[in-house]
Amino acid sequence: MLLVRYLLANDGIRKISDISRDIAISESLIRKIANDLEHASIIRSVKGRNGGIEIAKREISVYDVLLASGEDLSLTICTGKTPCELSGGCNLSPLIRNLQR
């Protein structure tokens, strides 16, 4: 979240080294996070001498950023990868799925 927040507050292409210094996170960790965020189309990277990273879209939810991290964000087992045995007749499952979005 810190990286996304930083990029939203600082328009344009930013060098990883500058970001690292400004938010006090190691360059290697920023590169890993940036890679995940780029695959999710939240940021984009620019190669070359004046390259770096910048925000790719302005409307980003916390859920988008967490989802980009690759973590399982299921609120309950019935909304996860393995369906619950009651999900066919359960009225809560669609509600929980909607809340999770």
C-alpha atoms as a PDB file:
ATOM      1  CA  MET A   1       0.000   0.000   0.000  1.00  0.00           C
ATOM      2  CA  LEU A   2       2.847   2.390   0.753  1.00  0.00           C
ATOM      3  CA  LEU A   3       4.216   2.085  -2.766  1.00  0.00           C
ATOM      4  CA  VAL A   4       0.828   2.693  -4.390  1.00  0.00           C
ATOM      5  CA  ARG A   5       0.130   5.600  -2.063  1.00  0.00           C
ATOM      6  CA  TYR A   6       3.542   7.105  -2.869  1.00  0.00           C
ATOM      7  CA  LEU A   7       2.997   6.787  -6.618  1.00  0.00           C
ATOM      8  CA  LEU A   8      -0.488   8.293  -6.384  1.00  0.00           C
ATOM      9  CA  ALA A   9       0.927  11.291  -4.495  1.00  0.00           C
ATOM     10  CA  ASN A  10       3.933  11.732  -6.814  1.00  0.00           C
ATOM     11  CA  ASP A  11       2.953  11.995 -10.478  1.00  0.00           C
ATOM     12  CA  GLY A  12       5.206  10.750 -13.223  1.00  0.00           C
ATOM     13  CA  ILE A  13       7.926   8.153 -13.485  1.00  0.00           C
ATOM     14  CA  ARG A  14       9.839   7.541 -10.252  1.00  0.00           C
ATOM     15  CA  LYS A  15      13.118   5.705  -9.861  1.00  0.00           C
ATOM     16  CA  ILE A  16      13.137   2.720  -7.516  1.00  0.00           C
ATOM     17  CA  SER A  17      16.156   4.145  -5.684  1.00  0.00           C
ATOM     18  CA  ASP A  18      14.317   7.415  -4.991  1.00  0.00           C
ATOM     19  CA  ILE A  19      11.207   5.603  -3.799  1.00  0.00           C
ATOM     20  CA  SER A  20      13.322   3.382  -1.566  1.00  0.00           C
ATOM     21  CA  ARG A  21      14.934   6.395   0.038  1.00  0.00           C
ATOM     22  CA  ASP A  22      11.672   8.312   0.433  1.00  0.00           C
ATOM     23  CA  ILE A  23       9.602   5.521   2.017  1.00  0.00           C
ATOM     24  CA  ALA A  24      12.457   3.676   3.751  1.00  0.00           C
ATOM     25  CA  ILE A  25      11.898   0.269   2.134  1.00  0.00           C
ATOM     26  CA  SER A  26      14.693  -1.714   0.495  1.00  0.00           C
ATOM     27  CA  GLU A  27      15.005  -1.547  -3.285  1.00  0.00           C
ATOM     28  CA  SER A  28      14.754  -5.329  -3.584  1.00  0.00           C
ATOM     29  CA  LEU A  29      11.412  -5.394  -1.752  1.00  0.00           C
ATOM     30  CA  ILE A  30      10.093  -2.506  -3.844  1.00  0.00           C
ATOM     31  CA  ARG A  31      11.098  -4.360  -7.019  1.00  0.00           C
ATOM     32  CA  LYS A  32       9.222  -7.469  -5.881  1.00  0.00           C
ATOM     33  CA  ILE A  33       6.117  -5.482  -4.958  1.00  0.00           C
ATOM     34  CA  ALA A  34       6.349  -3.472  -8.190  1.00  0.00           C
ATOM     35  CA  ASN A  35       6.520  -6.677 -10.216  1.00  0.00           C
ATOM     36  CA  ASP A  36       3.312  -7.965  -8.600  1.00  0.00           C
ATOM     37  CA  LEU A  37       1.570  -4.602  -9.094  1.00  0.00           C
ATOM     38  CA  GLU A  38       2.682  -4.424 -12.725  1.00  0.00           C
ATOM     39  CA  HIS A  39       1.264  -7.878 -13.446  1.00  0.00           C
ATOM     40  CA  ALA A  40      -2.042  -6.622 -12.006  1.00  0.00           C
ATOM     41  CA  SER A  41      -1.867  -3.511 -14.271  1.00  0.00           C
ATOM     42  CA  ILE A  42      -1.835  -1.185 -11.258  1.00  0.00           C
ATOM     43  CA  ILE A  43       1.548   0.314 -12.134  1.00  0.00           C
ATOM     44  CA  ARG A  44       3.697   0.302 -15.239  1.00  0.00           C
ATOM     45  CA  SER A  45       7.437   0.239 -15.575  1.00  0.00           C
ATOM     46  CA  VAL A  46       9.496   2.275 -17.993  1.00  0.00           C
ATOM     47  CA  LYS A  47      12.856   0.903 -19.080  1.00  0.00           C
ATOM     48  CA  GLY A  48      15.927   2.912 -19.908  1.00  0.00           C
ATOM     49  CA  ARG A  49      18.085   5.654 -18.484  1.00  0.00           C
ATOM     50  CA  ASN A  50      15.152   7.755 -17.329  1.00  0.00           C
ATOM     51  CA  GLY A  51      13.050   4.732 -16.470  1.00  0.00           C
ATOM     52  CA  GLY A  52      11.263   3.786 -13.327  1.00  0.00           C
ATOM     53  CA  ILE A  53       7.708   3.062 -12.313  1.00  0.00           C
ATOM     54  CA  GLU A  54       4.488   5.041 -12.344  1.00  0.00           C
ATOM     55  CA  ILE A  55       0.859   4.504 -11.514  1.00  0.00           C
ATOM     56  CA  ALA A  56      -1.093   2.991 -14.416  1.00  0.00           C
ATOM     57  CA  LYS A  57      -4.611   3.676 -13.168  1.00  0.00           C
ATOM     58  CA  ARG A  58      -5.978   6.172 -10.692  1.00  0.00           C
ATOM     59  CA  GLU A  59      -8.940   4.223  -9.301  1.00  0.00           C
ATOM     60  CA  ILE A  60      -7.417   1.476  -7.174  1.00  0.00           C
ATOM     61  CA  SER A  61      -9.035  -0.299  -4.260  1.00  0.00           C
ATOM     62  CA  VAL A  62      -7.261  -1.802  -1.283  1.00  0.00           C
ATOM     63  CA  TYR A  63      -8.684  -5.109  -2.493  1.00  0.00           C
ATOM     64  CA  ASP A  64      -6.930  -4.645  -5.886  1.00  0.00           C
ATOM     65  CA  VAL A  65      -3.586  -4.136  -4.171  1.00  0.00           C
ATOM     66  CA  LEU A  66      -4.056  -7.086  -1.813  1.00  0.00           C
ATOM     67  CA  LEU A  67      -5.186  -9.300  -4.688  1.00  0.00           C
ATOM     68  CA  ALA A  68      -2.032  -8.340  -6.617  1.00  0.00           C
ATOM     69  CA  SER A  69       0.023  -9.657  -3.694  1.00  0.00           C
ATOM     70  CA  GLY A  70      -1.214 -13.150  -4.525  1.00  0.00           C
ATOM     71  CA  GLU A  71      -2.713 -13.872  -1.120  1.00  0.00           C
ATOM     72  CA  ASP A  72      -5.957 -15.818  -0.694  1.00  0.00           C
ATOM     73  CA  LEU A  73      -8.432 -13.150   0.346  1.00  0.00           C
ATOM     74  CA  SER A  74     -11.434 -15.386   0.900  1.00  0.00           C
ATOM     75  CA  LEU A  75     -13.572 -14.268   3.814  1.00  0.00           C
ATOM     76  CA  THR A  76     -14.931 -17.781   4.343  1.00  0.00           C
ATOM     77  CA  ILE A  77     -14.331 -21.242   2.929  1.00  0.00           C
ATOM     78  CA  CYS A  78     -17.452 -20.968   0.746  1.00  0.00           C
ATOM     79  CA  THR A  79     -15.978 -18.053  -1.211  1.00  0.00           C
ATOM     80  CA  GLY A  80     -12.570 -19.626  -1.599  1.00  0.00           C
ATOM     81  CA  LYS A  81     -11.125 -22.042  -4.126  1.00  0.00           C
ATOM     82  CA  THR A  82     -12.721 -25.079  -2.460  1.00  0.00           C
ATOM     83  CA  PRO A  83     -16.508 -24.769  -2.377  1.00  0.00           C
ATOM     84  CA  CYS A  84     -18.411 -25.501   0.812  1.00  0.00           C
ATOM     85  CA  GLU A  85     -20.645 -28.582   0.804  1.00  0.00           C
ATOM     86  CA  LEU A  86     -23.622 -26.341   1.614  1.00  0.00           C
ATOM     87  CA  SER A  87     -22.969 -23.716  -1.077  1.00  0.00           C
ATOM     88  CA  GLY A  88     -25.668 -25.085  -3.404  1.00  0.00           C
ATOM     89  CA  GLY A  89     -28.478 -24.271  -0.977  1.00  0.00           C
ATOM     90  CA  CYS A  90     -26.883 -21.462   0.993  1.00  0.00           C
ATOM     91  CA  ASN A  91     -28.298 -17.952   0.680  1.00  0.00           C
ATOM     92  CA  LEU A  92     -25.275 -16.319   2.317  1.00  0.00           C
ATOM     93  CA  SER A  93     -22.701 -17.418  -0.241  1.00  0.00           C
ATOM     94  CA  PRO A  94     -23.661 -14.836  -2.938  1.00  0.00           C
ATOM     95  CA  LEU A  95     -23.879 -12.090  -0.314  1.00  0.00           C
ATOM     96  CA  ILE A  96     -20.408 -12.874   1.053  1.00  0.00           C
ATOM     97  CA  ARG A  97     -18.961 -13.045  -2.472  1.00  0.00           C
ATOM     98  CA  ASN A  98     -20.448  -9.617  -3.217  1.00  0.00           C
ATOM     99  CA  LEU A  99     -19.047  -8.149   0.009  1.00  0.00           C
ATOM    100  CA  GLN A 100     -15.634  -9.534  -0.810  1.00  0.00           C
ATOM    101  CA  ARG A 101     -15.512  -7.618  -4.096  1.00  0.00           C
END
